[in-house]
């Protein structure tokens, strides 16, 4: 027998050309069914809003298939099991997985693995922390820095998007590992926060005028950059390439400055790429899904840092499915301060 619940959803109406607007989305409703044998019904509590979501809208080859027209927008989130016919999940369990931008998701048994549905413990971290330091941003920062960057004590680490979800994790983790950390962020408030609250050694405000990043790198990285964790791409990547130390490592995590380019305008590549040759350096991409079998190791370590106070977790919460189009665009305007989280329903 069908449940009396109604599911409100956000679906992709048409692919954006440049920045997505409300016209690219449609809001739909449908009745919520009961799970079949082996399946579960999850109520969405909060969703992670990430820059990568803009890339999922493009009909182009990538590390993950694009969101299809009329499909519910893909998003990772935390939810609560409200009906279950699977012995691994009980009603009341708090779970993390690909829930989509919707109030409920009915997941059949054969799709549980594809959706990455796992139980989480709110005694280890709050819902927002499970979407930040203990979630995909934290895992991206952890494996990007540790596996690709391979930091050594005393090295200089530069991270762009320093006040964002991945950036805040990378900088704090690098400090824990004994590195000197220089952030790049937009605005004095964000720079003050990563230095005074997170313990970065310095932060460069890229909004402080022409030449601010170039001069800041000269001042704060006099011996060059050993590790650069790139979240923005574009001109800032080129400026860092010009300041590399011998055997530097560059982690390509994202290029938020390029994501809203029109489809006819490809992402700008680095002009100073020969610095990799001169400095015997390397540049490598990080896709967090490649490390799924090791998430539990990183989560245990990061949870310990949260508990003992060596790591902090800052989130920027917005509320309501109806705000999704404008909320997502906050990421690309630099308007979020911390990990951007969309609360769909209060945790009761």
Foldseek 3Di string as FASTA:
>chain_A
DADADKKKFKFQAAFDFFADFPVRIDIDIDGGGAADAQKFKWFFFKWFQDLCLLVLSDCDDDPDHHGDHRHFRWTKFKTFTCHDNRPVHDGGFIWIWTAGLMGMDIGHNVCCVVRVIDTDDCVLDHRVCCSACLHDLVLQLVCLCCVQQVDAAAAEEEEEPCQERNNQNNQLVNVVRHYAYEYEAADPVLQCCCCVPQPHPGYFHPNPDPPRLLVVCCVPVVQFHQEYEYAADDPNVQSNLVGHAAAHEYEPEYHLQQSRHGPVDDDDDHPSVCSCVVRVYDYYYDDSVVCVVCSVVSSVVSSVCVVVVSGDADEDEDEASVCVSVQSCCVSVSNTRYGYMYGDHHDD
